[in-house]
Amino acid sequence: MKIQINIHNQTKLDVSKEYEKLFQQCAETVFADSEECYEIGLNIVEEEEIQRLNRDYRKIDKVTDVLSFFLNDEDMAEQDGYIYLGDVMLCAKQAQRQAKDYGHSLQREMMYLFVHALLHLKGYDHMQEAEKTQMRKEEEKVMKSIGLERI
């Protein structure tokens, strides 16, 4: 199993090598049970962009923290041995606000949001209470494995 993450930072937030390493660890942990090679786009965006996407795709005209877009076109999905799963859109400013509100680091919040989005790309959802419970359990397992569990 290999994971390739294409990071596109459209903000002024400094996404250091440490962040890149943690994003990679998150993805490898989420997909550890897979034999496939995956490629994922991670787009770190401003509030205006995530609000536009949230409005256009979810019909919710407000800023959100993270969105995931699963690529369901099998003809486009596989190239060079990698299966392109889709894109994650992560709002840096919303993550900063949430980190402050929850009393933890921006790094932890960014990784949590990324893990949440990756689990959606893997097929998890949280519409039903049982699904939500299972998804939260998986999120916390991944966060613990990278040393960023909830304190």
Protein backbone atom coordinates (compact mmCIF):
# COMPACT_ATOMS: atom_id res chain seq x y z
CA MET A 1 0.00 0.00 0.00
CA LYS A 2 1.26 3.42 -0.98
CA ILE A 3 -0.40 6.78 -0.49
CA GLN A 4 0.46 9.85 -2.51
CA ILE A 5 -0.88 13.16 -1.21
CA ASN A 6 -0.82 16.17 -3.50
CA ILE A 7 -0.94 19.22 -1.24
CA HIS A 8 -2.14 22.50 -2.74
CA ASN A 9 -1.93 25.30 -0.20
CA GLN A 10 -3.94 28.31 -1.35
CA THR A 11 -3.49 30.19 1.93
CA LYS A 12 -0.76 32.01 3.84
CA LEU A 13 -0.62 29.19 6.39
CA ASP A 14 2.85 27.67 6.49
CA VAL A 15 2.43 23.98 5.81
CA SER A 16 5.80 22.73 6.98
CA LYS A 17 7.49 19.40 6.33
CA GLU A 18 6.22 18.34 9.78
CA TYR A 19 2.63 18.88 8.62
CA GLU A 20 3.31 17.01 5.38
CA LYS A 21 4.74 14.09 7.36
CA LEU A 22 1.69 13.99 9.65
CA PHE A 23 -0.74 14.17 6.72
CA GLN A 24 1.10 11.19 5.24
CA GLN A 25 0.97 9.26 8.53
CA CYS A 26 -2.76 9.94 8.82
CA ALA A 27 -3.43 8.63 5.32
CA GLU A 28 -1.24 5.56 5.77
CA THR A 29 -3.00 4.74 9.03
CA VAL A 30 -6.51 5.20 7.61
CA PHE A 31 -5.73 2.97 4.62
CA ALA A 32 -3.40 0.51 6.40
CA ASP A 33 -5.78 -2.38 5.74
CA SER A 34 -5.73 -1.82 1.98
CA GLU A 35 -3.43 -3.38 -0.58
CA GLU A 36 -4.16 -0.64 -3.13
CA CYS A 37 -2.05 2.43 -3.93
CA TYR A 38 -4.00 5.65 -3.50
CA GLU A 39 -3.60 9.25 -4.53
CA ILE A 40 -5.44 12.03 -2.73
CA GLY A 41 -5.61 15.77 -3.34
CA LEU A 42 -5.40 17.94 -0.22
CA ASN A 43 -6.39 21.54 -0.83
CA ILE A 44 -5.91 24.02 1.98
CA VAL A 45 -8.24 26.89 1.15
CA GLU A 46 -9.56 30.24 2.32
CA GLU A 47 -13.02 30.77 3.77
CA GLU A 48 -14.50 32.13 0.55
CA GLU A 49 -13.55 29.01 -1.40
CA ILE A 50 -14.90 26.52 1.12
CA GLN A 51 -18.11 28.52 1.49
CA ARG A 52 -18.57 28.51 -2.28
CA LEU A 53 -18.02 24.75 -2.45
CA ASN A 54 -20.30 24.13 0.52
CA ARG A 55 -23.00 26.26 -1.14
CA ASP A 56 -22.58 24.71 -4.60
CA TYR A 57 -22.34 21.06 -3.55
CA ARG A 58 -24.20 20.83 -0.24
CA LYS A 59 -26.60 23.78 -0.61
CA ILE A 60 -25.32 25.19 2.72
CA ASP A 61 -24.19 28.79 2.24
CA LYS A 62 -21.70 29.07 5.08
CA VAL A 63 -18.07 28.41 5.90
CA THR A 64 -17.29 24.87 7.00
CA ASP A 65 -14.10 23.21 8.20
CA VAL A 66 -13.57 20.38 5.72
CA LEU A 67 -15.19 18.83 2.68
CA SER A 68 -14.33 15.62 0.87
CA PHE A 69 -15.09 14.86 -2.75
CA PHE A 70 -14.92 11.19 -3.71
CA LEU A 71 -13.99 10.59 -7.36
CA ASN A 72 -16.53 8.11 -8.65
CA ASP A 73 -15.39 8.02 -12.27
CA GLU A 74 -13.58 4.69 -12.64
CA ASP A 75 -12.16 5.65 -16.05
CA MET A 76 -10.32 8.60 -14.51
CA ALA A 77 -9.57 7.02 -11.15
CA GLU A 78 -6.51 4.91 -11.92
CA GLN A 79 -3.29 6.26 -13.37
CA ASP A 80 0.27 5.08 -12.96
CA GLY A 81 -0.82 2.32 -10.60
CA TYR A 82 -2.50 4.72 -8.18
CA ILE A 83 -6.22 4.95 -7.60
CA TYR A 84 -7.23 8.59 -7.30
CA LEU A 85 -9.75 8.64 -4.46
CA GLY A 86 -10.68 12.30 -4.58
CA ASP A 87 -10.05 15.64 -2.98
CA VAL A 88 -10.09 17.03 0.52
CA MET A 89 -10.79 20.74 0.96
CA LEU A 90 -9.63 22.02 4.33
CA CYS A 91 -10.30 25.60 5.52
CA ALA A 92 -7.25 26.87 7.41
CA LYS A 93 -8.99 29.79 9.16
CA GLN A 94 -11.89 27.63 10.33
CA ALA A 95 -9.39 25.07 11.65
CA GLN A 96 -7.60 27.88 13.52
CA ARG A 97 -10.86 29.01 15.13
CA GLN A 98 -11.81 25.46 16.12
CA ALA A 99 -8.36 24.73 17.57
CA LYS A 100 -8.71 27.80 19.77
CA ASP A 101 -12.30 26.89 20.75
CA TYR A 102 -11.34 23.31 21.64
CA GLY A 103 -8.12 24.33 23.41
CA HIS A 104 -5.69 22.32 21.34
CA SER A 105 -3.10 22.98 18.67
CA LEU A 106 -3.77 23.95 15.08
CA GLN A 107 -1.75 20.92 14.06
CA ARG A 108 -4.09 18.58 15.95
CA GLU A 109 -7.17 20.23 14.47
CA MET A 110 -5.82 20.08 10.90
CA MET A 111 -4.94 16.40 11.27
CA TYR A 112 -8.31 15.57 12.83
CA LEU A 113 -10.16 17.27 9.97
CA PHE A 114 -7.97 15.49 7.42
CA VAL A 115 -8.61 12.11 9.07
CA HIS A 116 -12.34 12.85 9.13
CA ALA A 117 -12.29 13.61 5.39
CA LEU A 118 -10.17 10.53 4.61
CA LEU A 119 -12.67 8.33 6.40
CA HIS A 120 -15.41 9.80 4.22
CA LEU A 121 -13.31 8.93 1.14
CA LYS A 122 -12.98 5.42 2.55
CA GLY A 123 -16.76 5.13 2.80
CA TYR A 124 -17.53 6.12 6.38
CA ASP A 125 -20.43 8.42 7.18
CA HIS A 126 -22.08 9.89 10.24
CA MET A 127 -25.73 10.27 9.28
CA GLN A 128 -26.93 7.56 11.67
CA GLU A 129 -25.87 7.42 15.34
CA ALA A 130 -24.22 3.99 14.96
CA GLU A 131 -22.23 5.23 11.94
CA LYS A 132 -21.21 8.37 13.82
CA THR A 133 -20.02 6.31 16.80
CA GLN A 134 -17.94 4.02 14.55
CA MET A 135 -16.46 6.96 12.63
CA ARG A 136 -15.48 8.78 15.86
CA LYS A 137 -13.87 5.59 17.14
CA GLU A 138 -11.79 5.32 13.94
CA GLU A 139 -10.85 9.02 14.08
CA GLU A 140 -9.60 8.71 17.64
CA LYS A 141 -7.68 5.52 16.83
CA VAL A 142 -5.81 7.27 14.01
CA MET A 143 -5.17 10.38 16.09
CA LYS A 144 -3.76 8.27 18.91
CA SER A 145 -1.52 6.38 16.49
CA ILE A 146 0.12 9.64 15.34
CA GLY A 147 0.44 10.98 18.90
CA LEU A 148 -2.28 13.64 18.66
CA GLU A 149 -5.05 12.06 20.70
CA ARG A 150 -7.54 14.18 22.63
CA ILE A 151 -6.23 15.16 26.05
